[in-house]
Amino acid sequence: MTEQSLSPGDSKDYADPTAAERVAIMVYAAITLLGVIAASSLKQFATDEPELIAAAVGASLAVALAHGWSAVMAHRLVHRSMMSRQELLAQVAIAGNLLAVTAIAVGTIAGGEIIGLEFRETVVLVQLVLIALLFLIGFFGSRWAGATWMRALGWGLLDAGIGVGILLVKLLVGG
């Protein structure tokens, strides 16, 4: 089977100018949270689950604010007008995707604590979940875009490899 490619007329999602941004923010959130969790646990800024949750939520809120405000500011400067209500709501939806990734991370951290995992085990679990999320976004996104199973697997592994790279840096630095 050959690689497929969708043209703009083949999917209603191509008509949505924020579809790519919503996927991008999920990947951005997963990578950012991996880095925050790795750094927080490595440097012992977070020494228990509530502190780790606070670090993850704080970082996510900062990223959501930075993304949202930069989009408003860029629109105002480039188009010389304020965003429409529809455009503002689209930015809220984008932030929602970021916060959904945060909810997955926070839920994993809380779940680890509930089932009695040690803090270090919970850190590893949430990192594995975020790496798996990167894989799933890459894999299923590629399949949706028409990639073959093998090519989609490659994209999923590449995306997950970025997450693994963050953890390798943590190990090399001393964690």
N, C-alpha and C. Protein backbone atom coordinates (compact mmCIF):
# COMPACT_ATOMS: atom_id res chain seq x y z
N MET A 1 0.84 -1.17 0.00
CA MET A 1 0.00 0.00 0.00
C MET A 1 0.89 1.24 0.00
N THR A 2 0.52 2.22 -0.74
CA THR A 2 1.34 3.43 -0.83
C THR A 2 0.88 4.47 0.18
N GLU A 3 1.77 5.37 0.45
CA GLU A 3 1.49 6.48 1.38
C GLU A 3 0.39 7.34 0.80
N GLN A 4 -0.56 7.69 1.63
CA GLN A 4 -1.63 8.56 1.21
C GLN A 4 -1.36 9.96 1.71
N SER A 5 -1.92 10.89 1.03
CA SER A 5 -1.81 12.27 1.48
C SER A 5 -3.17 12.92 1.27
N LEU A 6 -3.66 13.56 2.28
CA LEU A 6 -4.96 14.20 2.18
C LEU A 6 -4.80 15.61 1.65
N SER A 7 -5.69 15.96 0.77
CA SER A 7 -5.70 17.34 0.29
C SER A 7 -6.69 18.12 1.13
N PRO A 8 -6.61 19.43 1.09
CA PRO A 8 -7.49 20.23 1.93
C PRO A 8 -8.97 19.92 1.77
N GLY A 9 -9.41 19.43 0.64
CA GLY A 9 -10.82 19.13 0.44
C GLY A 9 -11.24 17.78 1.00
N ASP A 10 -10.28 16.94 1.41
CA ASP A 10 -10.59 15.59 1.85
C ASP A 10 -11.06 15.50 3.30
N SER A 11 -10.89 16.52 4.09
CA SER A 11 -11.24 16.45 5.49
C SER A 11 -11.72 17.79 5.99
N LYS A 12 -12.77 17.77 6.79
CA LYS A 12 -13.27 19.02 7.36
C LYS A 12 -12.26 19.62 8.33
N ASP A 13 -11.37 18.79 8.89
CA ASP A 13 -10.39 19.31 9.83
C ASP A 13 -9.41 20.27 9.18
N TYR A 14 -9.21 20.15 7.88
CA TYR A 14 -8.32 21.09 7.20
C TYR A 14 -8.93 22.48 7.19
N ALA A 15 -10.26 22.57 7.30
CA ALA A 15 -10.92 23.86 7.33
C ALA A 15 -10.74 24.53 8.68
N ASP A 16 -10.35 23.78 9.68
CA ASP A 16 -10.14 24.31 11.03
C ASP A 16 -8.71 24.82 11.13
N PRO A 17 -8.54 26.13 11.16
CA PRO A 17 -7.18 26.68 11.19
C PRO A 17 -6.43 26.40 12.49
N THR A 18 -7.12 25.93 13.52
CA THR A 18 -6.45 25.66 14.80
C THR A 18 -6.16 24.18 15.02
N ALA A 19 -6.53 23.31 14.09
CA ALA A 19 -6.31 21.88 14.28
C ALA A 19 -4.83 21.57 14.53
N ALA A 20 -3.97 22.14 13.73
CA ALA A 20 -2.53 21.89 13.91
C ALA A 20 -2.05 22.47 15.24
N GLU A 21 -2.56 23.63 15.62
CA GLU A 21 -2.15 24.23 16.90
C GLU A 21 -2.59 23.37 18.09
N ARG A 22 -3.77 22.76 17.99
CA ARG A 22 -4.25 21.92 19.09
C ARG A 22 -3.38 20.69 19.26
N VAL A 23 -2.96 20.09 18.16
CA VAL A 23 -2.05 18.94 18.25
C VAL A 23 -0.69 19.41 18.75
N ALA A 24 -0.20 20.51 18.20
CA ALA A 24 1.11 21.02 18.60
C ALA A 24 1.16 21.32 20.09
N ILE A 25 0.10 21.90 20.64
CA ILE A 25 0.13 22.26 22.05
C ILE A 25 0.13 21.01 22.93
N MET A 26 -0.50 19.92 22.46
CA MET A 26 -0.46 18.68 23.23
C MET A 26 0.95 18.11 23.27
N VAL A 27 1.62 18.14 22.14
CA VAL A 27 3.01 17.67 22.09
C VAL A 27 3.89 18.58 22.93
N TYR A 28 3.68 19.88 22.79
CA TYR A 28 4.44 20.86 23.56
C TYR A 28 4.23 20.63 25.06
N ALA A 29 2.99 20.40 25.45
CA ALA A 29 2.68 20.18 26.87
C ALA A 29 3.35 18.91 27.39
N ALA A 30 3.29 17.83 26.62
CA ALA A 30 3.89 16.57 27.07
C ALA A 30 5.40 16.72 27.23
N ILE A 31 6.05 17.36 26.27
CA ILE A 31 7.50 17.55 26.34
C ILE A 31 7.86 18.49 27.49
N THR A 32 7.11 19.57 27.64
CA THR A 32 7.36 20.52 28.73
C THR A 32 7.19 19.85 30.08
N LEU A 33 6.11 19.09 30.25
CA LEU A 33 5.88 18.42 31.53
C LEU A 33 6.95 17.38 31.81
N LEU A 34 7.39 16.68 30.78
CA LEU A 34 8.51 15.74 30.98
C LEU A 34 9.72 16.47 31.53
N GLY A 35 10.04 17.61 30.93
CA GLY A 35 11.18 18.38 31.39
C GLY A 35 11.00 18.92 32.79
N VAL A 36 9.82 19.44 33.09
CA VAL A 36 9.55 19.99 34.42
C VAL A 36 9.62 18.89 35.48
N ILE A 37 9.01 17.75 35.19
CA ILE A 37 9.02 16.65 36.15
C ILE A 37 10.43 16.10 36.34
N ALA A 38 11.16 15.97 35.23
CA ALA A 38 12.55 15.49 35.34
C ALA A 38 13.39 16.46 36.16
N ALA A 39 13.31 17.74 35.84
CA ALA A 39 14.13 18.73 36.56
C ALA A 39 13.69 18.87 38.01
N SER A 40 12.40 18.89 38.26
CA SER A 40 11.90 19.04 39.63
C SER A 40 12.32 17.89 40.51
N SER A 41 12.25 16.68 39.97
CA SER A 41 12.62 15.52 40.79
C SER A 41 14.14 15.38 40.89
N LEU A 42 14.86 15.72 39.83
CA LEU A 42 16.32 15.63 39.85
C LEU A 42 16.92 16.57 40.88
N LYS A 43 16.49 17.80 40.85
CA LYS A 43 17.05 18.81 41.75
C LYS A 43 16.31 18.85 43.09
N GLN A 44 15.39 17.95 43.28
CA GLN A 44 14.60 17.82 44.51
C GLN A 44 13.85 19.10 44.86
N PHE A 45 13.41 19.83 43.80
CA PHE A 45 12.51 20.95 44.03
C PHE A 45 11.16 20.40 44.46
N ALA A 46 10.84 19.24 43.95
CA ALA A 46 9.62 18.53 44.34
C ALA A 46 10.07 17.23 44.99
N THR A 47 9.65 17.03 46.24
CA THR A 47 10.07 15.82 46.96
C THR A 47 8.90 14.92 47.31
N ASP A 48 7.70 15.33 46.92
CA ASP A 48 6.53 14.47 47.11
C ASP A 48 5.50 14.78 46.03
N GLU A 49 4.45 13.99 46.00
CA GLU A 49 3.45 14.11 44.93
C GLU A 49 2.76 15.47 44.89
N PRO A 50 2.31 16.04 46.02
CA PRO A 50 1.68 17.35 45.94
C PRO A 50 2.60 18.44 45.37
N GLU A 51 3.87 18.40 45.72
CA GLU A 51 4.81 19.37 45.17
C GLU A 51 5.00 19.14 43.67
N LEU A 52 5.04 17.88 43.25
CA LEU A 52 5.18 17.57 41.83
C LEU A 52 3.95 18.03 41.05
N ILE A 53 2.78 17.83 41.63
CA ILE A 53 1.54 18.30 40.99
C ILE A 53 1.57 19.82 40.87
N ALA A 54 2.01 20.51 41.94
CA ALA A 54 2.09 21.97 41.90
C ALA A 54 3.05 22.43 40.80
N ALA A 55 4.17 21.76 40.66
CA ALA A 55 5.14 22.12 39.61
C ALA A 55 4.54 21.91 38.23
N ALA A 56 3.86 20.78 38.02
CA ALA A 56 3.26 20.48 36.72
C ALA A 56 2.15 21.46 36.38
N VAL A 57 1.27 21.72 37.34
CA VAL A 57 0.15 22.64 37.10
C VAL A 57 0.68 24.05 36.88
N GLY A 58 1.64 24.46 37.71
CA GLY A 58 2.22 25.80 37.55
C GLY A 58 2.86 25.99 36.18
N ALA A 59 3.62 25.01 35.75
CA ALA A 59 4.26 25.10 34.43
C ALA A 59 3.21 25.14 33.33
N SER A 60 2.18 24.32 33.45
CA SER A 60 1.13 24.28 32.43
C SER A 60 0.35 25.58 32.36
N LEU A 61 0.03 26.15 33.51
CA LEU A 61 -0.68 27.43 33.50
C LEU A 61 0.18 28.52 32.88
N ALA A 62 1.48 28.50 33.17
CA ALA A 62 2.38 29.48 32.57
C ALA A 62 2.45 29.31 31.06
N VAL A 63 2.52 28.07 30.60
CA VAL A 63 2.57 27.82 29.15
C VAL A 63 1.24 28.22 28.50
N ALA A 64 0.12 27.91 29.15
CA ALA A 64 -1.19 28.27 28.60
C ALA A 64 -1.31 29.79 28.50
N LEU A 65 -0.90 30.49 29.54
CA LEU A 65 -0.96 31.95 29.52
C LEU A 65 -0.02 32.50 28.45
N ALA A 66 1.19 31.97 28.38
CA ALA A 66 2.15 32.45 27.38
C ALA A 66 1.64 32.21 25.97
N HIS A 67 1.08 31.04 25.73
CA HIS A 67 0.58 30.74 24.39
C HIS A 67 -0.62 31.63 24.05
N GLY A 68 -1.56 31.70 24.98
CA GLY A 68 -2.76 32.49 24.72
C GLY A 68 -2.46 33.96 24.50
N TRP A 69 -1.66 34.54 25.40
CA TRP A 69 -1.35 35.96 25.27
C TRP A 69 -0.52 36.23 24.02
N SER A 70 0.43 35.35 23.71
CA SER A 70 1.25 35.57 22.51
C SER A 70 0.39 35.49 21.25
N ALA A 71 -0.62 34.63 21.24
CA ALA A 71 -1.52 34.54 20.08
C ALA A 71 -2.33 35.82 19.93
N VAL A 72 -2.85 36.34 21.06
CA VAL A 72 -3.61 37.59 21.02
C VAL A 72 -2.72 38.74 20.56
N MET A 73 -1.54 38.82 21.15
CA MET A 73 -0.61 39.89 20.82
C MET A 73 -0.17 39.82 19.35
N ALA A 74 0.17 38.63 18.90
CA ALA A 74 0.61 38.47 17.51
C ALA A 74 -0.51 38.86 16.54
N HIS A 75 -1.73 38.43 16.84
CA HIS A 75 -2.86 38.78 15.98
C HIS A 75 -3.04 40.30 15.93
N ARG A 76 -2.98 40.92 17.09
CA ARG A 76 -3.16 42.37 17.17
C ARG A 76 -2.08 43.10 16.39
N LEU A 77 -0.85 42.65 16.50
CA LEU A 77 0.25 43.33 15.81
C LEU A 77 0.25 43.07 14.31
N VAL A 78 -0.04 41.84 13.92
CA VAL A 78 0.00 41.49 12.50
C VAL A 78 -1.24 41.99 11.76
N HIS A 79 -2.40 41.78 12.36
CA HIS A 79 -3.66 42.14 11.68
C HIS A 79 -4.18 43.52 12.08
N ARG A 80 -3.54 44.12 13.06
CA ARG A 80 -3.91 45.45 13.55
C ARG A 80 -5.36 45.51 14.02
N SER A 81 -5.77 44.40 14.62
CA SER A 81 -7.12 44.35 15.19
C SER A 81 -7.13 43.27 16.27
N MET A 82 -8.11 43.38 17.14
CA MET A 82 -8.27 42.38 18.18
C MET A 82 -8.87 41.12 17.57
N MET A 83 -8.61 39.97 18.17
CA MET A 83 -9.20 38.72 17.70
C MET A 83 -10.72 38.79 17.84
N SER A 84 -11.37 38.08 16.95
CA SER A 84 -12.83 37.97 17.04
C SER A 84 -13.18 37.03 18.19
N ARG A 85 -14.42 37.00 18.57
CA ARG A 85 -14.87 36.11 19.63
C ARG A 85 -14.58 34.66 19.26
N GLN A 86 -14.81 34.31 18.00
CA GLN A 86 -14.55 32.95 17.53
C GLN A 86 -13.06 32.61 17.63
N GLU A 87 -12.20 33.53 17.28
CA GLU A 87 -10.76 33.30 17.37
C GLU A 87 -10.31 33.17 18.82
N LEU A 88 -10.89 33.98 19.70
CA LEU A 88 -10.57 33.86 21.12
C LEU A 88 -11.01 32.51 21.68
N LEU A 89 -12.20 32.07 21.29
CA LEU A 89 -12.68 30.76 21.75
C LEU A 89 -11.80 29.63 21.21
N ALA A 90 -11.28 29.80 20.00
CA ALA A 90 -10.36 28.80 19.45
C ALA A 90 -9.10 28.73 20.30
N GLN A 91 -8.62 29.87 20.78
CA GLN A 91 -7.44 29.87 21.65
C GLN A 91 -7.74 29.21 22.99
N VAL A 92 -8.96 29.37 23.48
CA VAL A 92 -9.36 28.69 24.71
C VAL A 92 -9.37 27.17 24.48
N ALA A 93 -9.84 26.73 23.32
CA ALA A 93 -9.84 25.30 22.99
C ALA A 93 -8.41 24.76 22.92
N ILE A 94 -7.51 25.55 22.37
CA ILE A 94 -6.11 25.14 22.31
C ILE A 94 -5.56 24.98 23.72
N ALA A 95 -5.84 25.96 24.58
CA ALA A 95 -5.41 25.87 25.98
C ALA A 95 -6.04 24.65 26.65
N GLY A 96 -7.26 24.32 26.27
CA GLY A 96 -7.93 23.13 26.82
C GLY A 96 -7.17 21.86 26.49
N ASN A 97 -6.60 21.77 25.30
CA ASN A 97 -5.81 20.60 24.95
C ASN A 97 -4.56 20.52 25.81
N LEU A 98 -3.93 21.66 26.08
CA LEU A 98 -2.76 21.69 26.95
C LEU A 98 -3.16 21.23 28.35
N LEU A 99 -4.26 21.73 28.85
CA LEU A 99 -4.70 21.37 30.20
C LEU A 99 -5.16 19.91 30.27
N ALA A 100 -5.61 19.35 29.15
CA ALA A 100 -5.97 17.92 29.13
C ALA A 100 -4.73 17.06 29.35
N VAL A 101 -3.63 17.43 28.73
CA VAL A 101 -2.37 16.71 28.95
C VAL A 101 -1.94 16.86 30.41
N THR A 102 -2.10 18.05 30.95
CA THR A 102 -1.77 18.28 32.36
C THR A 102 -2.64 17.41 33.25
N ALA A 103 -3.92 17.30 32.93
CA ALA A 103 -4.83 16.47 33.72
C ALA A 103 -4.40 15.00 33.69
N ILE A 104 -3.91 14.54 32.55
CA ILE A 104 -3.41 13.16 32.45
C ILE A 104 -2.21 12.99 33.38
N ALA A 105 -1.29 13.96 33.36
CA ALA A 105 -0.10 13.88 34.21
C ALA A 105 -0.48 13.94 35.69
N VAL A 106 -1.34 14.89 36.04
CA VAL A 106 -1.76 15.03 37.44
C VAL A 106 -2.52 13.79 37.90
N GLY A 107 -3.38 13.28 37.04
CA GLY A 107 -4.11 12.05 37.39
C GLY A 107 -3.19 10.87 37.61
N THR A 108 -2.14 10.79 36.80
CA THR A 108 -1.16 9.71 36.96
C THR A 108 -0.40 9.87 38.27
N ILE A 109 0.00 11.09 38.59
CA ILE A 109 0.71 11.35 39.84
C ILE A 109 -0.18 10.99 41.03
N ALA A 110 -1.42 11.49 41.01
CA ALA A 110 -2.35 11.20 42.10
C ALA A 110 -2.64 9.71 42.18
N GLY A 111 -2.78 9.05 41.03
CA GLY A 111 -3.02 7.61 41.02
C GLY A 111 -1.87 6.83 41.61
N GLY A 112 -0.65 7.25 41.30
CA GLY A 112 0.53 6.60 41.87
C GLY A 112 0.55 6.71 43.38
N GLU A 113 0.17 7.88 43.87
CA GLU A 113 0.13 8.07 45.32
C GLU A 113 -0.98 7.22 45.95
N ILE A 114 -2.13 7.17 45.30
CA ILE A 114 -3.27 6.41 45.83
C ILE A 114 -2.94 4.92 45.92
N ILE A 115 -2.26 4.38 44.92
CA ILE A 115 -1.97 2.94 44.94
C ILE A 115 -0.72 2.62 45.76
N GLY A 116 -0.10 3.65 46.34
CA GLY A 116 1.00 3.42 47.26
C GLY A 116 2.38 3.34 46.65
N LEU A 117 2.55 3.88 45.47
CA LEU A 117 3.89 3.90 44.88
C LEU A 117 4.78 4.86 45.66
N GLU A 118 6.05 4.55 45.72
CA GLU A 118 7.03 5.48 46.27
C GLU A 118 7.13 6.68 45.32
N PHE A 119 7.59 7.81 45.82
CA PHE A 119 7.67 9.02 45.01
C PHE A 119 8.47 8.80 43.73
N ARG A 120 9.64 8.16 43.84
CA ARG A 120 10.47 7.92 42.65
C ARG A 120 9.74 7.05 41.63
N GLU A 121 8.99 6.06 42.11
CA GLU A 121 8.21 5.21 41.21
C GLU A 121 7.11 6.01 40.51
N THR A 122 6.49 6.92 41.25
CA THR A 122 5.45 7.77 40.66
C THR A 122 6.05 8.67 39.59
N VAL A 123 7.23 9.20 39.84
CA VAL A 123 7.91 10.03 38.85
C VAL A 123 8.16 9.23 37.57
N VAL A 124 8.66 8.03 37.72
CA VAL A 124 8.91 7.17 36.55
C VAL A 124 7.60 6.87 35.83
N LEU A 125 6.55 6.57 36.59
CA LEU A 125 5.25 6.25 35.98
C LEU A 125 4.72 7.42 35.16
N VAL A 126 4.73 8.63 35.71
CA VAL A 126 4.19 9.77 34.97
C VAL A 126 5.05 10.06 33.74
N GLN A 127 6.35 9.86 33.84
CA GLN A 127 7.21 10.06 32.68
C GLN A 127 6.90 9.04 31.59
N LEU A 128 6.68 7.79 31.98
CA LEU A 128 6.32 6.76 31.00
C LEU A 128 4.98 7.06 30.34
N VAL A 129 4.03 7.55 31.13
CA VAL A 129 2.72 7.90 30.58
C VAL A 129 2.86 9.04 29.56
N LEU A 130 3.66 10.04 29.87
CA LEU A 130 3.86 11.16 28.93
C LEU A 130 4.59 10.72 27.67
N ILE A 131 5.54 9.81 27.81
CA ILE A 131 6.22 9.26 26.63
C ILE A 131 5.24 8.45 25.79
N ALA A 132 4.40 7.66 26.44
CA ALA A 132 3.37 6.90 25.72
C ALA A 132 2.41 7.85 25.00
N LEU A 133 2.06 8.95 25.65
CA LEU A 133 1.19 9.94 25.01
C LEU A 133 1.84 10.51 23.76
N LEU A 134 3.12 10.83 23.84
CA LEU A 134 3.83 11.31 22.65
C LEU A 134 3.78 10.28 21.53
N PHE A 135 4.00 9.01 21.89
CA PHE A 135 3.94 7.94 20.89
C PHE A 135 2.55 7.89 20.25
N LEU A 136 1.51 7.92 21.08
CA LEU A 136 0.13 7.81 20.57
C LEU A 136 -0.23 8.98 19.67
N ILE A 137 0.17 10.18 20.04
CA ILE A 137 -0.11 11.34 19.19
C ILE A 137 0.59 11.17 17.85
N GLY A 138 1.86 10.79 17.88
CA GLY A 138 2.61 10.61 16.63
C GLY A 138 2.05 9.49 15.78
N PHE A 139 1.73 8.36 16.42
CA PHE A 139 1.24 7.20 15.69
C PHE A 139 -0.14 7.45 15.09
N PHE A 140 -1.10 7.80 15.95
CA PHE A 140 -2.47 7.96 15.46
C PHE A 140 -2.63 9.20 14.58
N GLY A 141 -1.85 10.25 14.89
CA GLY A 141 -1.87 11.41 14.02
C GLY A 141 -1.38 11.07 12.62
N SER A 142 -0.34 10.26 12.55
CA SER A 142 0.20 9.85 11.25
C SER A 142 -0.79 8.95 10.51
N ARG A 143 -1.43 8.06 11.23
CA ARG A 143 -2.42 7.19 10.59
C ARG A 143 -3.58 8.03 10.05
N TRP A 144 -4.03 9.01 10.85
CA TRP A 144 -5.13 9.88 10.42
C TRP A 144 -4.73 10.63 9.15
N ALA A 145 -3.46 11.04 9.07
CA ALA A 145 -2.98 11.79 7.92
C ALA A 145 -2.71 10.90 6.71
N GLY A 146 -2.90 9.59 6.87
CA GLY A 146 -2.77 8.69 5.73
C GLY A 146 -1.48 7.91 5.67
N ALA A 147 -0.66 7.97 6.70
CA ALA A 147 0.59 7.22 6.69
C ALA A 147 0.33 5.72 6.78
N THR A 148 1.24 4.94 6.23
CA THR A 148 1.15 3.50 6.36
C THR A 148 1.38 3.13 7.82
N TRP A 149 1.04 1.90 8.18
CA TRP A 149 1.25 1.45 9.56
C TRP A 149 2.72 1.56 9.96
N MET A 150 3.60 1.18 9.08
CA MET A 150 5.04 1.23 9.41
C MET A 150 5.53 2.66 9.56
N ARG A 151 5.12 3.52 8.65
CA ARG A 151 5.54 4.92 8.75
C ARG A 151 4.95 5.56 10.01
N ALA A 152 3.70 5.24 10.33
CA ALA A 152 3.09 5.77 11.55
C ALA A 152 3.82 5.26 12.78
N LEU A 153 4.22 4.00 12.75
CA LEU A 153 5.00 3.45 13.86
C LEU A 153 6.31 4.21 14.00
N GLY A 154 6.94 4.50 12.88
CA GLY A 154 8.18 5.28 12.91
C GLY A 154 7.98 6.67 13.50
N TRP A 155 6.91 7.34 13.09
CA TRP A 155 6.63 8.67 13.66
C TRP A 155 6.34 8.58 15.15
N GLY A 156 5.58 7.58 15.55
CA GLY A 156 5.29 7.41 16.97
C GLY A 156 6.56 7.17 17.77
N LEU A 157 7.43 6.32 17.24
CA LEU A 157 8.70 6.05 17.92
C LEU A 157 9.60 7.28 17.96
N LEU A 158 9.61 8.05 16.88
CA LEU A 158 10.40 9.28 16.87
C LEU A 158 9.88 10.26 17.93
N ASP A 159 8.57 10.43 17.99
CA ASP A 159 7.99 11.33 18.99
C ASP A 159 8.29 10.85 20.40
N ALA A 160 8.12 9.56 20.64
CA ALA A 160 8.44 9.01 21.96
C ALA A 160 9.93 9.13 22.25
N GLY A 161 10.75 9.02 21.21
CA GLY A 161 12.20 9.15 21.37
C GLY A 161 12.61 10.51 21.90
N ILE A 162 11.86 11.53 21.55
CA ILE A 162 12.15 12.87 22.09
C ILE A 162 11.95 12.85 23.60
N GLY A 163 10.87 12.22 24.06
CA GLY A 163 10.64 12.10 25.50
C GLY A 163 11.72 11.28 26.18
N VAL A 164 12.13 10.21 25.55
CA VAL A 164 13.20 9.38 26.11
C VAL A 164 14.50 10.20 26.17
N GLY A 165 14.73 11.03 25.15
CA GLY A 165 15.92 11.89 25.15
C GLY A 165 15.95 12.82 26.35
N ILE A 166 14.80 13.35 26.73
CA ILE A 166 14.73 14.22 27.91
C ILE A 166 15.15 13.44 29.15
N LEU A 167 14.68 12.21 29.26
CA LEU A 167 15.05 11.39 30.42
C LEU A 167 16.53 11.01 30.40
N LEU A 168 17.08 10.78 29.22
CA LEU A 168 18.51 10.48 29.13
C LEU A 168 19.35 11.67 29.59
N VAL A 169 18.92 12.88 29.22
CA VAL A 169 19.63 14.07 29.69
C VAL A 169 19.56 14.11 31.20
N LYS A 170 18.42 13.81 31.78
CA LYS A 170 18.28 13.79 33.24
C LYS A 170 19.27 12.80 33.84
N LEU A 171 19.36 11.61 33.26
CA LEU A 171 20.28 10.61 33.78
C LEU A 171 21.74 11.06 33.65
N LEU A 172 22.06 11.68 32.53
CA LEU A 172 23.43 12.16 32.31
C LEU A 172 23.80 13.28 33.27
N VAL A 173 22.80 14.08 33.64
CA VAL A 173 23.06 15.20 34.56
C VAL A 173 23.16 14.70 35.99
N GLY A 174 22.61 13.53 36.25
CA GLY A 174 22.77 13.01 37.59
C GLY A 174 21.52 12.50 38.27
N GLY A 175 20.52 12.15 37.49
CA GLY A 175 19.28 11.76 38.14
C GLY A 175 18.93 10.35 37.92
